[in-house]
Protein backbone atom coordinates (compact mmCIF):
# COMPACT_ATOMS: atom_id res chain seq x y z
CA UNK A 1 31.57 7.85 5.09
CA UNK A 2 33.72 9.95 7.34
CA UNK A 3 36.32 12.38 6.13
CA UNK A 4 39.68 11.53 7.72
CA UNK A 5 42.45 14.08 7.95
CA UNK A 6 44.85 12.66 10.52
CA UNK A 7 47.31 10.42 8.67
CA UNK A 8 48.86 9.01 11.86
CA UNK A 9 45.46 7.85 13.12
CA UNK A 10 44.61 6.34 9.73
CA UNK A 11 47.88 4.43 9.47
CA UNK A 12 47.54 2.88 12.96
CA UNK A 13 44.29 1.14 12.06
CA UNK A 14 43.84 -2.21 10.37
CA UNK A 15 41.46 -2.23 7.42
CA UNK A 16 39.50 -5.01 5.79
CA UNK A 17 39.41 -3.11 2.51
CA UNK A 18 41.63 -0.36 1.11
CA UNK A 19 40.30 1.29 -2.04
CA UNK A 20 42.58 3.51 -4.10
CA UNK A 21 40.70 6.22 -5.98
CA UNK A 22 37.24 7.62 -5.41
CA UNK A 23 36.12 7.53 -9.03
CA UNK A 24 32.81 6.14 -10.21
CA UNK A 25 33.54 2.63 -8.99
CA UNK A 26 35.83 3.36 -6.04
CA UNK A 27 33.32 5.63 -4.33
CA UNK A 28 30.42 3.24 -4.86
CA UNK A 29 32.47 0.25 -3.71
CA UNK A 30 33.56 2.06 -0.53
CA UNK A 31 29.97 3.06 0.16
CA UNK A 32 28.61 -0.46 -0.30
CA UNK A 33 31.33 -2.07 1.81
CA UNK A 34 30.75 0.53 4.53
CA UNK A 35 27.09 -0.46 4.81
CA UNK A 36 28.28 -3.41 6.89
CA UNK A 37 29.42 -1.83 10.16
CA UNK A 38 31.82 -4.75 10.72
CA UNK A 39 33.88 -3.71 7.68
CA UNK A 40 36.78 -1.33 8.19
CA UNK A 41 37.09 0.53 4.88
CA UNK A 42 39.72 3.07 3.85
CA UNK A 43 39.14 5.12 0.69
CA UNK A 44 42.27 6.95 -0.50
CA UNK A 45 41.99 9.88 -2.92
CA UNK A 46 44.87 12.10 -4.05
CA UNK A 47 42.65 15.03 -4.92
CA UNK A 48 40.52 17.47 -3.03
CA UNK A 49 37.15 16.94 -1.45
CA UNK A 50 34.46 19.57 -1.05
CA UNK A 51 32.03 19.55 1.87
CA UNK A 52 29.37 21.76 0.26
CA UNK A 53 28.31 22.68 -3.27
CA UNK A 54 29.50 26.24 -2.63
CA UNK A 55 33.05 24.94 -2.09
CA UNK A 56 33.20 23.26 -5.52
CA UNK A 57 35.28 25.42 -7.89
CA UNK A 58 33.52 26.71 -11.00
CA UNK A 59 36.00 24.87 -13.22
CA UNK A 60 34.53 21.58 -11.90
CA UNK A 61 30.91 22.73 -11.83
CA UNK A 62 31.12 23.84 -15.46
CA UNK A 63 33.01 20.79 -16.73
CA UNK A 64 36.18 22.67 -17.65
CA UNK A 65 38.71 20.92 -15.39
CA UNK A 66 40.62 19.35 -18.28
CA UNK A 67 41.13 22.68 -20.00
CA UNK A 68 39.42 21.32 -23.12
CA UNK A 69 38.55 23.80 -25.81
CA UNK A 70 35.67 23.24 -28.20
CA UNK A 71 37.96 22.47 -31.17
CA UNK A 72 38.76 19.15 -29.52
CA UNK A 73 42.22 20.15 -28.34
CA UNK A 74 43.11 19.66 -24.72
CA UNK A 75 45.03 22.42 -23.05
CA UNK A 76 47.17 21.92 -19.97
CA UNK A 77 44.96 20.50 -17.22
CA UNK A 78 44.09 22.08 -13.92
CA UNK A 79 44.96 20.98 -10.38
CA UNK A 80 42.07 18.51 -10.66
CA UNK A 81 43.68 16.63 -13.56
CA UNK A 82 46.75 14.33 -13.43
CA UNK A 83 48.00 16.02 -16.64
CA UNK A 84 48.85 12.82 -18.50
CA UNK A 85 49.89 13.15 -22.14
CA UNK A 86 49.46 10.73 -25.03
CA UNK A 87 52.64 9.85 -26.91
CA UNK A 88 52.44 11.10 -30.46
CA UNK A 89 53.02 9.05 -33.53
CA UNK A 90 52.68 9.74 -37.22
CA UNK A 91 49.48 11.63 -37.93
CA UNK A 92 48.60 11.99 -34.27
CA UNK A 93 49.48 15.09 -32.32
CA UNK A 94 50.34 15.19 -28.64
CA UNK A 95 47.24 15.59 -26.58
CA UNK A 96 46.21 15.40 -22.98
CA UNK A 97 44.57 12.34 -21.50
CA UNK A 98 42.27 13.67 -18.79
CA UNK A 99 42.28 11.68 -15.53
CA UNK A 100 40.54 13.15 -12.52
CA UNK A 101 42.44 14.02 -9.35
CA UNK A 102 39.44 14.88 -7.19
CA UNK A 103 36.65 13.12 -5.32
CA UNK A 104 34.72 11.34 -8.06
CA UNK A 105 37.81 10.81 -10.21
CA UNK A 106 37.60 11.31 -13.95
CA UNK A 107 33.80 11.28 -13.80
CA UNK A 108 34.06 14.63 -11.99
CA UNK A 109 36.03 16.28 -14.80
CA UNK A 110 34.61 14.63 -17.92
CA UNK A 111 32.73 17.70 -19.14
CA UNK A 112 29.43 15.87 -18.69
CA UNK A 113 29.98 13.95 -21.94
CA UNK A 114 28.62 10.45 -22.47
CA UNK A 115 29.05 8.30 -25.56
CA UNK A 116 26.90 5.21 -25.89
CA UNK A 117 28.79 2.11 -26.96
CA UNK A 118 27.74 0.37 -30.15
CA UNK A 119 25.49 -2.71 -29.71
CA UNK A 120 28.29 -5.04 -30.81
CA UNK A 121 30.26 -4.05 -27.69
CA UNK A 122 27.62 -5.78 -25.58
CA UNK A 123 27.51 -9.05 -27.51
């Protein structure tokens, strides 16, 4: 995939596919569709991209982009987070809802946490 910076050039083209968000599925979908050279694919991402590993900020490399502390509370997010908040109700405090604003989407800021679904979820 090519990085495109010139908005005027991008907007003059006609695309077969326009994908909003480069998260786990958006990035893969754009890559697969781009394998066919006849497809004109535009992948739109609101966040930053980094050309080399050295350009990736430590806050992303270390899984701290949501500002999460280890007590389970989410602090105000960084520039790589959309800073959404859950609406509180009785017995539930306000807390952040991390959503990635960077190439890779939320999978880039998830703190490298994975929770396996229970078997019943797959039935």
